[in-house]
Each structure stands twice: as C-alpha cells, then as structure tokens.
Amino acid sequence: MPDWLQPYTTSLIVLALSGLLLCMQLLVLDLAGIRAGHRPGQPVAGDAQNFLFRAYRAHANTNESFGAFIALALAGLLSGASPAGLNLLCGLWLLGRIGHMLFYYLGWARPRSLAFGLALGALFGMAAVVLHGLLA
C-alpha cells in the first residue's frame, strides 16, 4: 500500500467490507426468493410481514446509499481529508448499514430507522470532513 494511504487503512477496510455486505445481502435475497418460490424478474410484493420483501428493501436501500458512500470515501482519500475523521465516519456508516440490514430482516422498524439515521448522518459527516479539508 502506498505510504499516503496508510492513515486511511480503516476507511479502505470499510470499503472492502461494504462490498462484502452488498454480496451478503444479495445472497440472503436470492435464498429468500428461492425459498419463497419467487419467479425472477417479477416484482416483490410490498408486504412488510414478508421476509422476501424485507430482504429486498434492505438490499435496495444499501444500493441507494452505496454510491454516495463510495463518492465521499474516494473524495476523502484523494483529497487528503482528516484520516481520523474519515476513518470514524466510514466505520459509522458501515455500522449503520449493518444495523439497518439486521433490523430490517427482523422487522424492527424503530431500530431500523435509527440505524438508517446513523448511516445517513455519517454520509453528511463525511461530506463535511471532505469539504473542510478542501476549503481549509
């Protein structure tokens, strides 16, 4: 690893783990679809009582958040943003996404919303850290 990336090791680990999180969610979604006898290409019924729907929404929501996370993480790495700030916020984003996924799977709406808020707040924090580094 190049020397300039050393301070961002945690952020890079989180980037790798976030890719693994997406793969795991896809696997859970595929297995839930097979178990439910869902035909590929057909819409998933919007029923929060149905695990397939919850797995589908957890995966879709992570996909929706992933682009912003990648953009902000890369901007932070390439701009030399505060390593401590970026590392912490990347970790909080991942923690929030894992919590969101697990609470969605379990059907626990309030903790799921709190985990979503943690992940969203981490994204705004990442933006602040990047912009602070660029504008300072």
C-alpha atoms as a PDB file:
ATOM      1  CA  MET A   1       0.000   0.000   0.000  1.00  0.00           C
ATOM      2  CA  PRO A   2       1.355   3.452  -0.840  1.00  0.00           C
ATOM      3  CA  ASP A   3       2.554   5.433   2.179  1.00  0.00           C
ATOM      4  CA  TRP A   4      -0.026   8.197   1.650  1.00  0.00           C
ATOM      5  CA  LEU A   5      -2.853   5.649   2.053  1.00  0.00           C
ATOM      6  CA  GLN A   6      -1.557   4.189   5.331  1.00  0.00           C
ATOM      7  CA  PRO A   7      -3.522   6.632   7.526  1.00  0.00           C
ATOM      8  CA  TYR A   8      -6.709   5.575   5.712  1.00  0.00           C
ATOM      9  CA  THR A   9      -6.367   1.838   6.320  1.00  0.00           C
ATOM     10  CA  THR A  10      -9.618   1.749   8.292  1.00  0.00           C
ATOM     11  CA  SER A  11     -11.503   3.531   5.506  1.00  0.00           C
ATOM     12  CA  LEU A  12     -10.114   1.083   2.957  1.00  0.00           C
ATOM     13  CA  ILE A  13     -11.116  -1.886   5.117  1.00  0.00           C
ATOM     14  CA  VAL A  14     -14.628  -0.421   5.417  1.00  0.00           C
ATOM     15  CA  LEU A  15     -14.769  -0.005   1.629  1.00  0.00           C
ATOM     16  CA  ALA A  16     -13.927  -3.687   1.220  1.00  0.00           C
ATOM     17  CA  LEU A  17     -16.371  -4.759   3.930  1.00  0.00           C
ATOM     18  CA  SER A  18     -19.137  -2.671   2.371  1.00  0.00           C
ATOM     19  CA  GLY A  19     -18.687  -4.602  -0.866  1.00  0.00           C
ATOM     20  CA  LEU A  20     -18.909  -7.811   1.142  1.00  0.00           C
ATOM     21  CA  LEU A  21     -22.068  -6.501   2.844  1.00  0.00           C
ATOM     22  CA  LEU A  22     -23.710  -5.998  -0.553  1.00  0.00           C
ATOM     23  CA  CYS A  23     -22.712  -9.520  -1.616  1.00  0.00           C
ATOM     24  CA  MET A  24     -24.111 -10.998   1.597  1.00  0.00           C
ATOM     25  CA  GLN A  25     -27.376  -9.096   1.192  1.00  0.00           C
ATOM     26  CA  LEU A  26     -27.667 -10.335  -2.389  1.00  0.00           C
ATOM     27  CA  LEU A  27     -27.115 -13.905  -1.238  1.00  0.00           C
ATOM     28  CA  VAL A  28     -29.768 -13.582   1.503  1.00  0.00           C
ATOM     29  CA  LEU A  29     -32.156 -12.039  -1.029  1.00  0.00           C
ATOM     30  CA  ASP A  30     -31.541 -14.808  -3.575  1.00  0.00           C
ATOM     31  CA  LEU A  31     -32.014 -17.547  -0.987  1.00  0.00           C
ATOM     32  CA  ALA A  32     -35.181 -15.890   0.344  1.00  0.00           C
ATOM     33  CA  GLY A  33     -36.522 -15.683  -3.212  1.00  0.00           C
ATOM     34  CA  ILE A  34     -35.783 -19.347  -3.860  1.00  0.00           C
ATOM     35  CA  ARG A  35     -37.371 -20.348  -0.559  1.00  0.00           C
ATOM     36  CA  ALA A  36     -40.475 -18.280  -1.315  1.00  0.00           C
ATOM     37  CA  GLY A  37     -40.760 -19.660  -4.859  1.00  0.00           C
ATOM     38  CA  HIS A  38     -40.399 -16.176  -6.292  1.00  0.00           C
ATOM     39  CA  ARG A  39     -40.020 -16.020 -10.082  1.00  0.00           C
ATOM     40  CA  PRO A  40     -37.007 -13.926 -11.121  1.00  0.00           C
ATOM     41  CA  GLY A  41     -37.957 -10.720 -12.885  1.00  0.00           C
ATOM     42  CA  GLN A  42     -41.317 -10.479 -11.140  1.00  0.00           C
ATOM     43  CA  PRO A  43     -41.939  -7.651  -8.663  1.00  0.00           C
ATOM     44  CA  VAL A  44     -41.690  -8.439  -4.972  1.00  0.00           C
ATOM     45  CA  ALA A  45     -44.994  -7.799  -3.226  1.00  0.00           C
ATOM     46  CA  GLY A  46     -44.890  -4.833  -0.839  1.00  0.00           C
ATOM     47  CA  ASP A  47     -45.685  -6.674   2.369  1.00  0.00           C
ATOM     48  CA  ALA A  48     -43.565  -5.799   5.397  1.00  0.00           C
ATOM     49  CA  GLN A  49     -44.618  -9.084   7.024  1.00  0.00           C
ATOM     50  CA  ASN A  50     -42.882 -10.984   4.205  1.00  0.00           C
ATOM     51  CA  PHE A  51     -39.158 -11.701   4.736  1.00  0.00           C
ATOM     52  CA  LEU A  52     -38.517 -11.625   0.981  1.00  0.00           C
ATOM     53  CA  PHE A  53     -39.829  -8.053   0.830  1.00  0.00           C
ATOM     54  CA  ARG A  54     -37.728  -7.005   3.819  1.00  0.00           C
ATOM     55  CA  ALA A  55     -34.602  -8.609   2.329  1.00  0.00           C
ATOM     56  CA  TYR A  56     -35.326  -6.907  -0.985  1.00  0.00           C
ATOM     57  CA  ARG A  57     -35.735  -3.479   0.643  1.00  0.00           C
ATOM     58  CA  ALA A  58     -32.645  -3.889   2.844  1.00  0.00           C
ATOM     59  CA  HIS A  59     -30.538  -4.698  -0.230  1.00  0.00           C
ATOM     60  CA  ALA A  60     -32.111  -1.933  -2.322  1.00  0.00           C
ATOM     61  CA  ASN A  61     -31.587   0.640   0.423  1.00  0.00           C
ATOM     62  CA  THR A  62     -27.918  -0.278   0.779  1.00  0.00           C
ATOM     63  CA  ASN A  63     -27.550   0.064  -3.001  1.00  0.00           C
ATOM     64  CA  GLU A  64     -29.170   3.504  -2.816  1.00  0.00           C
ATOM     65  CA  SER A  65     -26.695   4.642  -0.158  1.00  0.00           C
ATOM     66  CA  PHE A  66     -23.620   2.941  -1.607  1.00  0.00           C
ATOM     67  CA  GLY A  67     -22.946   5.438  -4.406  1.00  0.00           C
ATOM     68  CA  ALA A  68     -22.820   8.386  -2.016  1.00  0.00           C
ATOM     69  CA  PHE A  69     -20.577   6.413   0.342  1.00  0.00           C
ATOM     70  CA  ILE A  70     -18.125   5.495  -2.430  1.00  0.00           C
ATOM     71  CA  ALA A  71     -18.052   9.052  -3.799  1.00  0.00           C
ATOM     72  CA  LEU A  72     -17.423  10.592  -0.390  1.00  0.00           C
ATOM     73  CA  ALA A  73     -14.885   7.984   0.688  1.00  0.00           C
ATOM     74  CA  LEU A  74     -12.910   8.357  -2.531  1.00  0.00           C
ATOM     75  CA  ALA A  75     -13.091  12.154  -2.342  1.00  0.00           C
ATOM     76  CA  GLY A  76     -11.794  11.926   1.214  1.00  0.00           C
ATOM     77  CA  LEU A  77      -8.950   9.607   0.292  1.00  0.00           C
ATOM     78  CA  LEU A  78      -7.889  11.578  -2.770  1.00  0.00           C
ATOM     79  CA  SER A  79      -8.187  14.998  -1.135  1.00  0.00           C
ATOM     80  CA  GLY A  80      -6.209  14.094   1.971  1.00  0.00           C
ATOM     81  CA  ALA A  81      -9.154  14.706   4.299  1.00  0.00           C
ATOM     82  CA  SER A  82      -8.650  14.133   8.015  1.00  0.00           C
ATOM     83  CA  PRO A  83      -7.813  10.413   8.312  1.00  0.00           C
ATOM     84  CA  ALA A  84      -9.238  10.191  11.838  1.00  0.00           C
ATOM     85  CA  GLY A  85     -12.499  11.838  10.784  1.00  0.00           C
ATOM     86  CA  LEU A  86     -12.870   9.871   7.563  1.00  0.00           C
ATOM     87  CA  ASN A  87     -11.995   6.549   9.205  1.00  0.00           C
ATOM     88  CA  LEU A  88     -14.502   7.128  12.020  1.00  0.00           C
ATOM     89  CA  LEU A  89     -17.310   8.211   9.705  1.00  0.00           C
ATOM     90  CA  CYS A  90     -16.720   5.343   7.274  1.00  0.00           C
ATOM     91  CA  GLY A  91     -16.929   2.938  10.201  1.00  0.00           C
ATOM     92  CA  LEU A  92     -20.124   4.578  11.473  1.00  0.00           C
ATOM     93  CA  TRP A  93     -21.659   4.327   8.003  1.00  0.00           C
ATOM     94  CA  LEU A  94     -20.910   0.610   7.872  1.00  0.00           C
ATOM     95  CA  LEU A  95     -22.200   0.077  11.402  1.00  0.00           C
ATOM     96  CA  GLY A  96     -25.400   1.901  10.472  1.00  0.00           C
ATOM     97  CA  ARG A  97     -25.821  -0.140   7.291  1.00  0.00           C
ATOM     98  CA  ILE A  98     -25.280  -3.450   9.110  1.00  0.00           C
ATOM     99  CA  GLY A  99     -27.741  -2.408  11.812  1.00  0.00           C
ATOM    100  CA  HIS A 100     -30.262  -1.287   9.203  1.00  0.00           C
ATOM    101  CA  MET A 101     -29.972  -4.633   7.422  1.00  0.00           C
ATOM    102  CA  LEU A 102     -30.326  -6.734  10.552  1.00  0.00           C
ATOM    103  CA  PHE A 103     -33.229  -4.708  11.927  1.00  0.00           C
ATOM    104  CA  TYR A 104     -34.966  -4.830   8.546  1.00  0.00           C
ATOM    105  CA  TYR A 105     -34.557  -8.615   8.439  1.00  0.00           C
ATOM    106  CA  LEU A 106     -36.047  -8.826  11.942  1.00  0.00           C
ATOM    107  CA  GLY A 107     -38.898  -6.446  11.114  1.00  0.00           C
ATOM    108  CA  TRP A 108     -37.921  -3.952  13.848  1.00  0.00           C
ATOM    109  CA  ALA A 109     -38.953  -0.595  12.386  1.00  0.00           C
ATOM    110  CA  ARG A 110     -37.776   1.888  15.044  1.00  0.00           C
ATOM    111  CA  PRO A 111     -34.223   0.490  15.476  1.00  0.00           C
ATOM    112  CA  ARG A 112     -34.027   0.182  11.679  1.00  0.00           C
ATOM    113  CA  SER A 113     -34.829   3.885  11.351  1.00  0.00           C
ATOM    114  CA  LEU A 114     -32.215   4.779  13.961  1.00  0.00           C
ATOM    115  CA  ALA A 115     -29.589   2.717  12.118  1.00  0.00           C
ATOM    116  CA  PHE A 116     -30.590   4.413   8.858  1.00  0.00           C
ATOM    117  CA  GLY A 117     -30.176   7.781  10.565  1.00  0.00           C
ATOM    118  CA  LEU A 118     -26.717   6.810  11.799  1.00  0.00           C
ATOM    119  CA  ALA A 119     -25.621   5.838   8.284  1.00  0.00           C
ATOM    120  CA  LEU A 120     -27.137   8.972   6.749  1.00  0.00           C
ATOM    121  CA  GLY A 121     -25.552  11.176   9.394  1.00  0.00           C
ATOM    122  CA  ALA A 122     -22.192   9.539   8.696  1.00  0.00           C
ATOM    123  CA  LEU A 123     -22.538  10.423   4.997  1.00  0.00           C
ATOM    124  CA  PHE A 124     -23.196  14.067   5.842  1.00  0.00           C
ATOM    125  CA  GLY A 125     -20.260  13.956   8.236  1.00  0.00           C
ATOM    126  CA  MET A 126     -18.036  12.529   5.517  1.00  0.00           C
ATOM    127  CA  ALA A 127     -19.091  15.372   3.211  1.00  0.00           C
ATOM    128  CA  ALA A 128     -18.231  17.891   5.922  1.00  0.00           C
ATOM    129  CA  VAL A 129     -14.805  16.334   6.530  1.00  0.00           C
ATOM    130  CA  VAL A 130     -14.017  16.290   2.801  1.00  0.00           C
ATOM    131  CA  LEU A 131     -15.212  19.854   2.224  1.00  0.00           C
ATOM    132  CA  HIS A 132     -13.383  21.103   5.309  1.00  0.00           C
ATOM    133  CA  GLY A 133     -10.168  19.590   4.006  1.00  0.00           C
ATOM    134  CA  LEU A 134     -10.646  21.047   0.561  1.00  0.00           C
ATOM    135  CA  LEU A 135     -11.724  24.523   1.645  1.00  0.00           C
ATOM    136  CA  ALA A 136      -9.361  24.995   4.605  1.00  0.00           C
END
